[in-house]
Amino acid sequence: MQFKSVLEELEVTKFRKNVERELEDYFEDGGYWMIEPKIFQSYDEFVCSNLRTNSKKTVKVLSGNSEVYILRPDITMNILRKIFSKWENDKPLKVYYNSKIYLNNENYNIKEQRQMGIEYLGEDSLLADQEMITMAVNLMKKVDQPFILELGSSKYLDSYFEEINIDIELENKIKNYIAKKNKHGLISLLKKNDVKSMLLENILSMQGDMEAVIDQARKYPMNIEMQNALKELEDLKDIFASNKMIPYIHFDLSMIADLDYYDGIIFKGYYFESNKKILSGGRYDRLTEKFGKKASAIGFSVDMDEFVGLMLKEAK
């Protein structure tokens, strides 16, 4: 955000801090404890868990013993390393954070992005999924604008790719076309590489009403993991209905997670007035094993620069 004067910057900073306090109160009322993530993380650890991530976007730092670190481009992994070094995993744990991530932008200048978010560890999958999505919807209601929460499952497509067993480089190219909703590019890539798949050819149409999309998905062959992915999503229908959230949910089986470590439900929040993603998250049980303990895990983060900007417009 560009400021015309120091006074304007101070006024916006004050406004942002008030918004942050409101969200901190919201998280703490839900039983979440504040945690402060470390600023550095291992380059190898992050890149190995996120093969589709462009490593040029990470801000690299060389330690005194020549080990490569990065300024965190993601907060979840830093929090897991910090927690799992001490956590006994004997009861569920809820934490929230208010911090920044760091990325190289197109001009290779370092971009700082403010983030707030929550992580729910060690709780039964469905209970935590319901709470996380409900909190995400309620948070987005704090801005008086129409919005949508896109909901899908990384497990659905990931399990399918494991089934057809194609080269990882080709898989990532296919995922990138799906993520960009580029049907022409997707079909051309499939034909060029002789990948015959009715599911992939039609995946971009598998979005909208949950029941209709799931009925469409069942027309294609599915392995056990794909069936489980649909079951996990179907189990959320009752909570959507009881909390009157159905108008806010857009079901999308073609969703591709921003980070590779997600392995279950994924979701992204958008306001109609903004073309930028405001909120994103999902389930990442498998990632916890990298830190020595397997646990149920789900969370989401909020782009506070965009969120505060929208609230500021609304306040004027």
C-alpha atoms as a PDB file:
ATOM      1  CA  MET A   1       0.000   0.000   0.000  1.00  0.00           C
ATOM      2  CA  GLN A   2       1.370   3.398  -1.050  1.00  0.00           C
ATOM      3  CA  PHE A   3       0.919   6.341   1.309  1.00  0.00           C
ATOM      4  CA  LYS A   4       0.741  10.046   0.455  1.00  0.00           C
ATOM      5  CA  SER A   5       2.058  11.144   3.848  1.00  0.00           C
ATOM      6  CA  VAL A   6       3.450   9.902   7.133  1.00  0.00           C
ATOM      7  CA  LEU A   7       0.170  10.797   8.849  1.00  0.00           C
ATOM      8  CA  GLU A   8      -1.792   8.646   6.403  1.00  0.00           C
ATOM      9  CA  GLU A   9       0.558   5.722   7.054  1.00  0.00           C
ATOM     10  CA  LEU A  10       0.152   6.120  10.819  1.00  0.00           C
ATOM     11  CA  GLU A  11      -3.639   6.239  10.511  1.00  0.00           C
ATOM     12  CA  VAL A  12      -3.697   3.089   8.357  1.00  0.00           C
ATOM     13  CA  THR A  13      -1.318   1.334  10.773  1.00  0.00           C
ATOM     14  CA  LYS A  14      -3.634   2.172  13.657  1.00  0.00           C
ATOM     15  CA  PHE A  15      -6.619   0.856  11.696  1.00  0.00           C
ATOM     16  CA  ARG A  16      -4.747  -2.354  10.826  1.00  0.00           C
ATOM     17  CA  LYS A  17      -3.762  -2.962  14.451  1.00  0.00           C
ATOM     18  CA  ASN A  18      -7.422  -2.634  15.486  1.00  0.00           C
ATOM     19  CA  VAL A  19      -8.403  -5.215  12.847  1.00  0.00           C
ATOM     20  CA  GLU A  20      -5.633  -7.535  14.046  1.00  0.00           C
ATOM     21  CA  ARG A  21      -6.828  -7.215  17.668  1.00  0.00           C
ATOM     22  CA  GLU A  22     -10.369  -8.064  16.546  1.00  0.00           C
ATOM     23  CA  LEU A  23      -9.153 -11.232  14.827  1.00  0.00           C
ATOM     24  CA  GLU A  24      -6.923 -12.149  17.769  1.00  0.00           C
ATOM     25  CA  ASP A  25      -9.972 -11.884  20.053  1.00  0.00           C
ATOM     26  CA  TYR A  26     -11.959 -14.016  17.595  1.00  0.00           C
ATOM     27  CA  PHE A  27      -9.287 -16.724  17.579  1.00  0.00           C
ATOM     28  CA  GLU A  28      -8.800 -16.646  21.346  1.00  0.00           C
ATOM     29  CA  ASP A  29     -12.565 -16.916  21.921  1.00  0.00           C
ATOM     30  CA  GLY A  30     -12.335 -20.157  19.887  1.00  0.00           C
ATOM     31  CA  GLY A  31      -9.690 -21.537  22.245  1.00  0.00           C
ATOM     32  CA  TYR A  32      -6.599 -20.724  20.158  1.00  0.00           C
ATOM     33  CA  TRP A  33      -3.291 -19.699  21.760  1.00  0.00           C
ATOM     34  CA  MET A  34      -0.882 -17.262  20.152  1.00  0.00           C
ATOM     35  CA  ILE A  35       2.438 -18.623  18.888  1.00  0.00           C
ATOM     36  CA  GLU A  36       5.363 -16.737  17.359  1.00  0.00           C
ATOM     37  CA  PRO A  37       6.974 -18.536  14.385  1.00  0.00           C
ATOM     38  CA  LYS A  38      10.691 -18.350  13.665  1.00  0.00           C
ATOM     39  CA  ILE A  39      11.728 -16.167  10.750  1.00  0.00           C
ATOM     40  CA  PHE A  40      14.087 -18.698   9.082  1.00  0.00           C
ATOM     41  CA  GLN A  41      13.490 -22.205   7.810  1.00  0.00           C
ATOM     42  CA  SER A  42      15.496 -24.831   5.982  1.00  0.00           C
ATOM     43  CA  TYR A  43      15.569 -24.347   2.213  1.00  0.00           C
ATOM     44  CA  ASP A  44      15.762 -28.100   1.539  1.00  0.00           C
ATOM     45  CA  GLU A  45      12.945 -28.882   3.964  1.00  0.00           C
ATOM     46  CA  PHE A  46      10.573 -26.408   2.311  1.00  0.00           C
ATOM     47  CA  VAL A  47      11.416 -27.211  -1.313  1.00  0.00           C
ATOM     48  CA  CYS A  48      11.255 -31.008  -0.786  1.00  0.00           C
ATOM     49  CA  SER A  49       7.737 -30.613   0.617  1.00  0.00           C
ATOM     50  CA  ASN A  50       6.601 -28.278  -2.195  1.00  0.00           C
ATOM     51  CA  LEU A  51       7.949 -29.536  -5.512  1.00  0.00           C
ATOM     52  CA  ARG A  52       5.722 -27.257  -7.612  1.00  0.00           C
ATOM     53  CA  THR A  53       6.993 -24.117  -5.855  1.00  0.00           C
ATOM     54  CA  ASN A  54       9.329 -21.912  -7.879  1.00  0.00           C
ATOM     55  CA  SER A  55      12.434 -21.819  -5.689  1.00  0.00           C
ATOM     56  CA  LYS A  56      13.450 -18.484  -7.253  1.00  0.00           C
ATOM     57  CA  LYS A  57      10.616 -16.891  -5.301  1.00  0.00           C
ATOM     58  CA  THR A  58      12.192 -17.837  -1.976  1.00  0.00           C
ATOM     59  CA  VAL A  59      14.474 -15.354  -0.214  1.00  0.00           C
ATOM     60  CA  LYS A  60      17.689 -17.266   0.524  1.00  0.00           C
ATOM     61  CA  VAL A  61      20.079 -16.661   3.410  1.00  0.00           C
ATOM     62  CA  LEU A  62      23.505 -18.271   3.907  1.00  0.00           C
ATOM     63  CA  SER A  63      24.394 -19.234   7.488  1.00  0.00           C
ATOM     64  CA  GLY A  64      27.873 -19.096   9.024  1.00  0.00           C
ATOM     65  CA  ASN A  65      28.450 -22.788   8.229  1.00  0.00           C
ATOM     66  CA  SER A  66      27.285 -22.292   4.604  1.00  0.00           C
ATOM     67  CA  GLU A  67      23.900 -23.964   5.129  1.00  0.00           C
ATOM     68  CA  VAL A  68      21.133 -22.419   3.013  1.00  0.00           C
ATOM     69  CA  TYR A  69      18.085 -21.070   4.826  1.00  0.00           C
ATOM     70  CA  ILE A  70      15.168 -19.014   3.564  1.00  0.00           C
ATOM     71  CA  LEU A  71      13.106 -16.238   5.046  1.00  0.00           C
ATOM     72  CA  ARG A  72       9.886 -18.105   5.640  1.00  0.00           C
ATOM     73  CA  PRO A  73       7.581 -18.182   2.576  1.00  0.00           C
ATOM     74  CA  ASP A  74       5.113 -20.219   4.655  1.00  0.00           C
ATOM     75  CA  ILE A  75       4.352 -20.122   8.366  1.00  0.00           C
ATOM     76  CA  THR A  76       2.770 -23.553   8.924  1.00  0.00           C
ATOM     77  CA  MET A  77       5.994 -25.542   8.529  1.00  0.00           C
ATOM     78  CA  ASN A  78       7.852 -23.256  10.941  1.00  0.00           C
ATOM     79  CA  ILE A  79       5.103 -23.656  13.527  1.00  0.00           C
ATOM     80  CA  LEU A  80       5.125 -27.452  13.217  1.00  0.00           C
ATOM     81  CA  ARG A  81       8.895 -27.648  13.761  1.00  0.00           C
ATOM     82  CA  LYS A  82       8.580 -25.411  16.826  1.00  0.00           C
ATOM     83  CA  ILE A  83       5.616 -27.264  18.341  1.00  0.00           C
ATOM     84  CA  PHE A  84       6.700 -30.837  17.609  1.00  0.00           C
ATOM     85  CA  SER A  85      10.010 -30.360  19.408  1.00  0.00           C
ATOM     86  CA  LYS A  86       8.051 -30.065  22.680  1.00  0.00           C
ATOM     87  CA  TRP A  87       4.459 -31.254  22.133  1.00  0.00           C
ATOM     88  CA  GLU A  88       3.491 -34.574  23.704  1.00  0.00           C
ATOM     89  CA  ASN A  89       0.557 -34.996  21.294  1.00  0.00           C
ATOM     90  CA  ASP A  90      -1.609 -36.226  24.175  1.00  0.00           C
ATOM     91  CA  LYS A  91      -4.467 -33.780  23.576  1.00  0.00           C
ATOM     92  CA  PRO A  92      -5.566 -31.418  20.778  1.00  0.00           C
ATOM     93  CA  LEU A  93      -3.728 -28.130  20.400  1.00  0.00           C
ATOM     94  CA  LYS A  94      -5.023 -24.888  18.854  1.00  0.00           C
ATOM     95  CA  VAL A  95      -2.658 -22.047  17.955  1.00  0.00           C
ATOM     96  CA  TYR A  96      -2.839 -18.807  15.983  1.00  0.00           C
ATOM     97  CA  TYR A  97      -0.204 -16.439  14.627  1.00  0.00           C
ATOM     98  CA  ASN A  98       0.125 -12.836  13.486  1.00  0.00           C
ATOM     99  CA  SER A  99       3.273 -12.483  11.412  1.00  0.00           C
ATOM    100  CA  LYS A 100       4.748 -12.082   7.896  1.00  0.00           C
ATOM    101  CA  ILE A 101       5.963 -14.207   5.003  1.00  0.00           C
ATOM    102  CA  TYR A 102       8.701 -13.172   2.556  1.00  0.00           C
ATOM    103  CA  LEU A 103       8.893 -13.754  -1.199  1.00  0.00           C
ATOM    104  CA  ASN A 104      10.795 -12.455  -4.201  1.00  0.00           C
ATOM    105  CA  ASN A 105       8.396 -10.673  -6.541  1.00  0.00           C
ATOM    106  CA  GLU A 106       8.642 -10.448 -10.345  1.00  0.00           C
ATOM    107  CA  ASN A 107      11.476  -7.912 -10.126  1.00  0.00           C
ATOM    108  CA  TYR A 108      13.275  -9.995  -7.470  1.00  0.00           C
ATOM    109  CA  ASN A 109      12.603  -7.395  -4.825  1.00  0.00           C
ATOM    110  CA  ILE A 110      11.676  -8.835  -1.450  1.00  0.00           C
ATOM    111  CA  LYS A 111       7.963  -8.682  -0.786  1.00  0.00           C
ATOM    112  CA  GLU A 112       6.668  -8.788   2.786  1.00  0.00           C
ATOM    113  CA  GLN A 113       3.118 -10.051   3.224  1.00  0.00           C
ATOM    114  CA  ARG A 114       1.268  -9.860   6.511  1.00  0.00           C
ATOM    115  CA  GLN A 115      -0.555 -13.033   7.514  1.00  0.00           C
ATOM    116  CA  MET A 116      -2.733 -14.169  10.359  1.00  0.00           C
ATOM    117  CA  GLY A 117      -3.905 -17.730  10.680  1.00  0.00           C
ATOM    118  CA  ILE A 118      -4.810 -20.704  12.837  1.00  0.00           C
ATOM    119  CA  GLU A 119      -3.687 -24.315  13.125  1.00  0.00           C
ATOM    120  CA  TYR A 120      -5.702 -27.109  14.775  1.00  0.00           C
ATOM    121  CA  LEU A 121      -3.587 -30.142  15.673  1.00  0.00           C
ATOM    122  CA  GLY A 122      -4.464 -33.559  17.050  1.00  0.00           C
ATOM    123  CA  GLU A 123      -8.261 -33.437  16.716  1.00  0.00           C
ATOM    124  CA  ASP A 124     -10.667 -35.829  14.995  1.00  0.00           C
ATOM    125  CA  SER A 125     -10.710 -35.013  11.306  1.00  0.00           C
ATOM    126  CA  LEU A 126     -14.380 -34.187  10.767  1.00  0.00           C
ATOM    127  CA  LEU A 127     -14.770 -32.115  13.939  1.00  0.00           C
ATOM    128  CA  ALA A 128     -11.725 -29.991  13.095  1.00  0.00           C
ATOM    129  CA  ASP A 129     -12.764 -29.658   9.419  1.00  0.00           C
ATOM    130  CA  GLN A 130     -16.179 -28.365  10.449  1.00  0.00           C
ATOM    131  CA  GLU A 131     -14.728 -25.868  12.921  1.00  0.00           C
ATOM    132  CA  MET A 132     -12.107 -24.612  10.484  1.00  0.00           C
ATOM    133  CA  ILE A 133     -14.540 -23.963   7.627  1.00  0.00           C
ATOM    134  CA  THR A 134     -17.096 -22.373   9.957  1.00  0.00           C
ATOM    135  CA  MET A 135     -14.430 -20.030  11.350  1.00  0.00           C
ATOM    136  CA  ALA A 136     -13.252 -19.149   7.836  1.00  0.00           C
ATOM    137  CA  VAL A 137     -16.805 -18.253   6.726  1.00  0.00           C
ATOM    138  CA  ASN A 138     -17.478 -16.226   9.882  1.00  0.00           C
ATOM    139  CA  LEU A 139     -14.191 -14.368   9.472  1.00  0.00           C
ATOM    140  CA  MET A 140     -15.013 -13.406   5.890  1.00  0.00           C
ATOM    141  CA  LYS A 141     -18.411 -12.121   7.020  1.00  0.00           C
ATOM    142  CA  LYS A 142     -16.563  -9.388   8.912  1.00  0.00           C
ATOM    143  CA  VAL A 143     -16.284  -7.514   5.605  1.00  0.00           C
ATOM    144  CA  ASP A 144     -19.722  -6.473   4.382  1.00  0.00           C
ATOM    145  CA  GLN A 145     -19.241  -7.720   0.837  1.00  0.00           C
ATOM    146  CA  PRO A 146     -20.382 -10.798  -1.093  1.00  0.00           C
ATOM    147  CA  PHE A 147     -17.851 -13.620  -0.955  1.00  0.00           C
ATOM    148  CA  ILE A 148     -17.378 -17.263  -1.795  1.00  0.00           C
ATOM    149  CA  LEU A 149     -15.424 -20.066  -0.163  1.00  0.00           C
ATOM    150  CA  GLU A 150     -14.168 -22.557  -2.732  1.00  0.00           C
ATOM    151  CA  LEU A 151     -13.985 -26.073  -1.295  1.00  0.00           C
ATOM    152  CA  GLY A 152     -12.289 -29.142  -2.712  1.00  0.00           C
ATOM    153  CA  SER A 153      -9.892 -31.965  -1.870  1.00  0.00           C
ATOM    154  CA  SER A 154      -6.242 -32.304  -2.872  1.00  0.00           C
ATOM    155  CA  LYS A 155      -6.565 -36.023  -2.088  1.00  0.00           C
ATOM    156  CA  TYR A 156      -9.009 -36.551  -4.958  1.00  0.00           C
ATOM    157  CA  LEU A 157      -6.678 -35.577  -7.807  1.00  0.00           C
ATOM    158  CA  ASP A 158      -3.438 -36.600  -6.073  1.00  0.00           C
ATOM    159  CA  SER A 159      -4.786 -40.141  -5.637  1.00  0.00           C
ATOM    160  CA  TYR A 160      -5.811 -40.204  -9.285  1.00  0.00           C
ATOM    161  CA  PHE A 161      -2.328 -39.184 -10.429  1.00  0.00           C
ATOM    162  CA  GLU A 162      -0.843 -41.948  -8.287  1.00  0.00           C
ATOM    163  CA  GLU A 163      -3.193 -44.363 -10.046  1.00  0.00           C
ATOM    164  CA  ILE A 164      -2.189 -43.384 -13.599  1.00  0.00           C
ATOM    165  CA  ASN A 165       1.496 -43.161 -12.614  1.00  0.00           C
ATOM    166  CA  ILE A 166       2.780 -40.471 -14.977  1.00  0.00           C
ATOM    167  CA  ASP A 167       6.055 -38.557 -14.843  1.00  0.00           C
ATOM    168  CA  ILE A 168       6.124 -36.023 -11.984  1.00  0.00           C
ATOM    169  CA  GLU A 169       7.156 -33.194 -14.318  1.00  0.00           C
ATOM    170  CA  LEU A 170       4.170 -33.873 -16.578  1.00  0.00           C
ATOM    171  CA  GLU A 171       1.887 -34.181 -13.554  1.00  0.00           C
ATOM    172  CA  ASN A 172       2.951 -30.739 -12.338  1.00  0.00           C
ATOM    173  CA  LYS A 173       2.360 -29.232 -15.792  1.00  0.00           C
ATOM    174  CA  ILE A 174      -1.139 -30.729 -15.854  1.00  0.00           C
ATOM    175  CA  LYS A 175      -1.827 -29.388 -12.356  1.00  0.00           C
ATOM    176  CA  ASN A 176      -0.685 -25.920 -13.374  1.00  0.00           C
ATOM    177  CA  TYR A 177      -3.134 -25.848 -16.292  1.00  0.00           C
ATOM    178  CA  ILE A 178      -5.921 -27.090 -14.003  1.00  0.00           C
ATOM    179  CA  ALA A 179      -5.042 -24.460 -11.372  1.00  0.00           C
ATOM    180  CA  LYS A 180      -5.235 -21.734 -14.034  1.00  0.00           C
ATOM    181  CA  LYS A 181      -8.561 -23.151 -15.324  1.00  0.00           C
ATOM    182  CA  ASN A 182      -6.999 -23.308 -18.792  1.00  0.00           C
ATOM    183  CA  LYS A 183      -9.051 -25.977 -20.543  1.00  0.00           C
ATOM    184  CA  HIS A 184      -7.534 -25.447 -23.998  1.00  0.00           C
ATOM    185  CA  GLY A 185      -3.986 -25.715 -22.641  1.00  0.00           C
ATOM    186  CA  LEU A 186      -4.922 -28.757 -20.552  1.00  0.00           C
ATOM    187  CA  ILE A 187      -6.487 -30.668 -23.464  1.00  0.00           C
ATOM    188  CA  SER A 188      -3.538 -29.826 -25.732  1.00  0.00           C
ATOM    189  CA  LEU A 189      -1.045 -31.037 -23.122  1.00  0.00           C
ATOM    190  CA  LEU A 190      -2.941 -34.305 -22.592  1.00  0.00           C
ATOM    191  CA  LYS A 191      -3.056 -34.992 -26.355  1.00  0.00           C
ATOM    192  CA  LYS A 192       0.584 -34.056 -26.852  1.00  0.00           C
ATOM    193  CA  ASN A 193       1.674 -36.545 -24.170  1.00  0.00           C
ATOM    194  CA  ASP A 194      -0.858 -39.219 -25.153  1.00  0.00           C
ATOM    195  CA  VAL A 195      -2.588 -39.115 -21.747  1.00  0.00           C
ATOM    196  CA  LYS A 196      -6.034 -40.622 -22.308  1.00  0.00           C
ATOM    197  CA  SER A 197      -8.196 -39.600 -19.370  1.00  0.00           C
ATOM    198  CA  MET A 198     -11.876 -38.654 -19.529  1.00  0.00           C
ATOM    199  CA  LEU A 199     -11.652 -37.453 -15.928  1.00  0.00           C
ATOM    200  CA  LEU A 200      -8.829 -34.972 -16.627  1.00  0.00           C
ATOM    201  CA  GLU A 201     -10.493 -33.818 -19.846  1.00  0.00           C
ATOM    202  CA  ASN A 202     -13.635 -32.952 -17.886  1.00  0.00           C
ATOM    203  CA  ILE A 203     -12.193 -31.997 -14.495  1.00  0.00           C
ATOM    204  CA  LEU A 204     -12.713 -28.246 -14.991  1.00  0.00           C
ATOM    205  CA  SER A 205     -16.471 -28.779 -15.283  1.00  0.00           C
ATOM    206  CA  MET A 206     -16.612 -30.545 -11.913  1.00  0.00           C
ATOM    207  CA  GLN A 207     -17.587 -27.545  -9.807  1.00  0.00           C
ATOM    208  CA  GLY A 208     -20.742 -25.935  -8.447  1.00  0.00           C
ATOM    209  CA  ASP A 209     -23.405 -27.667  -6.328  1.00  0.00           C
ATOM    210  CA  MET A 210     -21.874 -30.353  -4.120  1.00  0.00           C
ATOM    211  CA  GLU A 211     -24.388 -33.117  -4.821  1.00  0.00           C
ATOM    212  CA  ALA A 212     -24.333 -32.521  -8.579  1.00  0.00           C
ATOM    213  CA  VAL A 213     -20.532 -32.513  -8.719  1.00  0.00           C
ATOM    214  CA  ILE A 214     -20.198 -35.666  -6.603  1.00  0.00           C
ATOM    215  CA  ASP A 215     -22.770 -37.411  -8.835  1.00  0.00           C
ATOM    216  CA  GLN A 216     -20.680 -36.387 -11.845  1.00  0.00           C
ATOM    217  CA  ALA A 217     -17.464 -37.638 -10.186  1.00  0.00           C
ATOM    218  CA  ARG A 218     -19.002 -41.047  -9.561  1.00  0.00           C
ATOM    219  CA  LYS A 219     -19.401 -41.580 -13.296  1.00  0.00           C
ATOM    220  CA  TYR A 220     -15.632 -42.064 -13.517  1.00  0.00           C
ATOM    221  CA  PRO A 221     -13.597 -44.971 -12.102  1.00  0.00           C
ATOM    222  CA  MET A 222     -12.255 -44.200  -8.626  1.00  0.00           C
ATOM    223  CA  ASN A 223      -9.731 -45.810  -6.320  1.00  0.00           C
ATOM    224  CA  ILE A 224     -10.297 -46.088  -2.559  1.00  0.00           C
ATOM    225  CA  GLU A 225      -8.526 -42.829  -1.726  1.00  0.00           C
ATOM    226  CA  MET A 226     -10.625 -40.908  -4.265  1.00  0.00           C
ATOM    227  CA  GLN A 227     -13.779 -42.399  -2.751  1.00  0.00           C
ATOM    228  CA  ASN A 228     -12.569 -41.405   0.714  1.00  0.00           C
ATOM    229  CA  ALA A 229     -11.963 -37.850  -0.498  1.00  0.00           C
ATOM    230  CA  LEU A 230     -15.558 -37.547  -1.687  1.00  0.00           C
ATOM    231  CA  LYS A 231     -16.847 -39.067   1.557  1.00  0.00           C
ATOM    232  CA  GLU A 232     -14.887 -36.523   3.637  1.00  0.00           C
ATOM    233  CA  LEU A 233     -16.455 -33.687   1.650  1.00  0.00           C
ATOM    234  CA  GLU A 234     -19.963 -35.152   1.800  1.00  0.00           C
ATOM    235  CA  ASP A 235     -19.706 -35.444   5.582  1.00  0.00           C
ATOM    236  CA  LEU A 236     -19.503 -31.646   5.767  1.00  0.00           C
ATOM    237  CA  LYS A 237     -22.906 -31.080   4.115  1.00  0.00           C
ATOM    238  CA  ASP A 238     -24.901 -31.238   7.340  1.00  0.00           C
ATOM    239  CA  ILE A 239     -22.811 -28.561   9.053  1.00  0.00           C
ATOM    240  CA  PHE A 240     -23.206 -26.306   6.016  1.00  0.00           C
ATOM    241  CA  ALA A 241     -26.966 -26.706   6.126  1.00  0.00           C
ATOM    242  CA  SER A 242     -27.320 -26.270   9.903  1.00  0.00           C
ATOM    243  CA  ASN A 243     -25.123 -23.142   9.924  1.00  0.00           C
ATOM    244  CA  LYS A 244     -26.740 -21.710   6.773  1.00  0.00           C
ATOM    245  CA  MET A 245     -23.388 -21.677   4.982  1.00  0.00           C
ATOM    246  CA  ILE A 246     -24.449 -23.358   1.724  1.00  0.00           C
ATOM    247  CA  PRO A 247     -24.822 -20.010  -0.166  1.00  0.00           C
ATOM    248  CA  TYR A 248     -21.170 -19.232   0.581  1.00  0.00           C
ATOM    249  CA  ILE A 249     -19.714 -22.595  -0.509  1.00  0.00           C
ATOM    250  CA  HIS A 250     -18.596 -23.268  -4.080  1.00  0.00           C
ATOM    251  CA  PHE A 251     -17.643 -26.913  -4.483  1.00  0.00           C
ATOM    252  CA  ASP A 252     -14.733 -27.534  -6.873  1.00  0.00           C
ATOM    253  CA  LEU A 253     -13.025 -30.897  -7.439  1.00  0.00           C
ATOM    254  CA  SER A 254     -10.555 -29.246  -9.834  1.00  0.00           C
ATOM    255  CA  MET A 255      -9.021 -27.183  -7.011  1.00  0.00           C
ATOM    256  CA  ILE A 256      -5.236 -27.379  -6.814  1.00  0.00           C
ATOM    257  CA  ALA A 257      -3.608 -26.532  -3.497  1.00  0.00           C
ATOM    258  CA  ASP A 258      -1.100 -23.664  -3.474  1.00  0.00           C
ATOM    259  CA  LEU A 259       1.347 -25.829  -1.499  1.00  0.00           C
ATOM    260  CA  ASP A 260       2.046 -29.515  -2.152  1.00  0.00           C
ATOM    261  CA  TYR A 261       1.854 -30.627   1.476  1.00  0.00           C
ATOM    262  CA  TYR A 262      -1.954 -30.469   1.662  1.00  0.00           C
ATOM    263  CA  ASP A 263      -3.484 -33.955   1.616  1.00  0.00           C
ATOM    264  CA  GLY A 264      -7.221 -33.598   2.258  1.00  0.00           C
ATOM    265  CA  ILE A 265      -9.833 -30.874   2.129  1.00  0.00           C
ATOM    266  CA  ILE A 266      -8.620 -27.537   0.790  1.00  0.00           C
ATOM    267  CA  PHE A 267     -10.404 -24.186   0.620  1.00  0.00           C
ATOM    268  CA  LYS A 268      -9.859 -20.641  -0.627  1.00  0.00           C
ATOM    269  CA  GLY A 269     -11.855 -17.502   0.109  1.00  0.00           C
ATOM    270  CA  TYR A 270     -12.560 -14.664  -2.334  1.00  0.00           C
ATOM    271  CA  TYR A 271     -14.568 -11.449  -2.136  1.00  0.00           C
ATOM    272  CA  PHE A 272     -16.383 -10.571  -5.353  1.00  0.00           C
ATOM    273  CA  GLU A 273     -14.921  -7.056  -5.334  1.00  0.00           C
ATOM    274  CA  SER A 274     -11.332  -8.347  -5.178  1.00  0.00           C
ATOM    275  CA  ASN A 275      -9.615 -10.585  -7.712  1.00  0.00           C
ATOM    276  CA  LYS A 276      -7.133 -11.760  -5.093  1.00  0.00           C
ATOM    277  CA  LYS A 277      -7.347 -14.738  -2.765  1.00  0.00           C
ATOM    278  CA  ILE A 278      -7.990 -13.499   0.778  1.00  0.00           C
ATOM    279  CA  LEU A 279      -7.963 -16.755   2.717  1.00  0.00           C
ATOM    280  CA  SER A 280      -6.647 -20.260   2.071  1.00  0.00           C
ATOM    281  CA  GLY A 281      -6.039 -23.456   3.973  1.00  0.00           C
ATOM    282  CA  GLY A 282      -6.624 -27.153   4.271  1.00  0.00           C
ATOM    283  CA  ARG A 283      -5.635 -30.438   5.848  1.00  0.00           C
ATOM    284  CA  TYR A 284      -1.994 -31.530   6.030  1.00  0.00           C
ATOM    285  CA  ASP A 285      -1.819 -34.669   8.216  1.00  0.00           C
ATOM    286  CA  ARG A 286       0.968 -36.226   6.141  1.00  0.00           C
ATOM    287  CA  LEU A 287       3.260 -33.212   6.599  1.00  0.00           C
ATOM    288  CA  THR A 288       3.373 -33.714  10.378  1.00  0.00           C
ATOM    289  CA  GLU A 289       5.322 -36.967   9.905  1.00  0.00           C
ATOM    290  CA  LYS A 290       8.308 -34.956   8.668  1.00  0.00           C
ATOM    291  CA  PHE A 291       8.584 -33.510  12.172  1.00  0.00           C
ATOM    292  CA  GLY A 292       8.637 -36.827  14.000  1.00  0.00           C
ATOM    293  CA  LYS A 293       4.994 -37.281  15.012  1.00  0.00           C
ATOM    294  CA  LYS A 294       1.923 -38.046  12.944  1.00  0.00           C
ATOM    295  CA  ALA A 295      -1.090 -35.981  13.937  1.00  0.00           C
ATOM    296  CA  SER A 296      -4.354 -34.768  12.511  1.00  0.00           C
ATOM    297  CA  ALA A 297      -3.712 -31.196  11.295  1.00  0.00           C
ATOM    298  CA  ILE A 298      -5.655 -28.456   9.540  1.00  0.00           C
ATOM    299  CA  GLY A 299      -5.360 -24.688   9.309  1.00  0.00           C
ATOM    300  CA  PHE A 300      -5.831 -21.551   7.250  1.00  0.00           C
ATOM    301  CA  SER A 301      -4.126 -18.209   6.725  1.00  0.00           C
ATOM    302  CA  VAL A 302      -5.488 -14.755   5.894  1.00  0.00           C
ATOM    303  CA  ASP A 303      -3.773 -12.246   3.603  1.00  0.00           C
ATOM    304  CA  MET A 304      -3.966  -9.324   6.017  1.00  0.00           C
ATOM    305  CA  ASP A 305      -2.789  -6.715   3.506  1.00  0.00           C
ATOM    306  CA  GLU A 306      -5.789  -7.472   1.271  1.00  0.00           C
ATOM    307  CA  PHE A 307      -8.207  -8.058   4.148  1.00  0.00           C
ATOM    308  CA  VAL A 308      -7.350  -4.790   5.898  1.00  0.00           C
ATOM    309  CA  GLY A 309      -7.453  -2.932   2.573  1.00  0.00           C
ATOM    310  CA  LEU A 310     -11.035  -4.064   1.986  1.00  0.00           C
ATOM    311  CA  MET A 311     -12.072  -3.178   5.538  1.00  0.00           C
ATOM    312  CA  LEU A 312     -10.463   0.246   5.134  1.00  0.00           C
ATOM    313  CA  LYS A 313     -12.462   0.926   1.965  1.00  0.00           C
ATOM    314  CA  GLU A 314     -15.614  -0.109   3.780  1.00  0.00           C
ATOM    315  CA  ALA A 315     -14.852   2.215   6.711  1.00  0.00           C
ATOM    316  CA  LYS A 316     -14.395   5.317   4.520  1.00  0.00           C
END
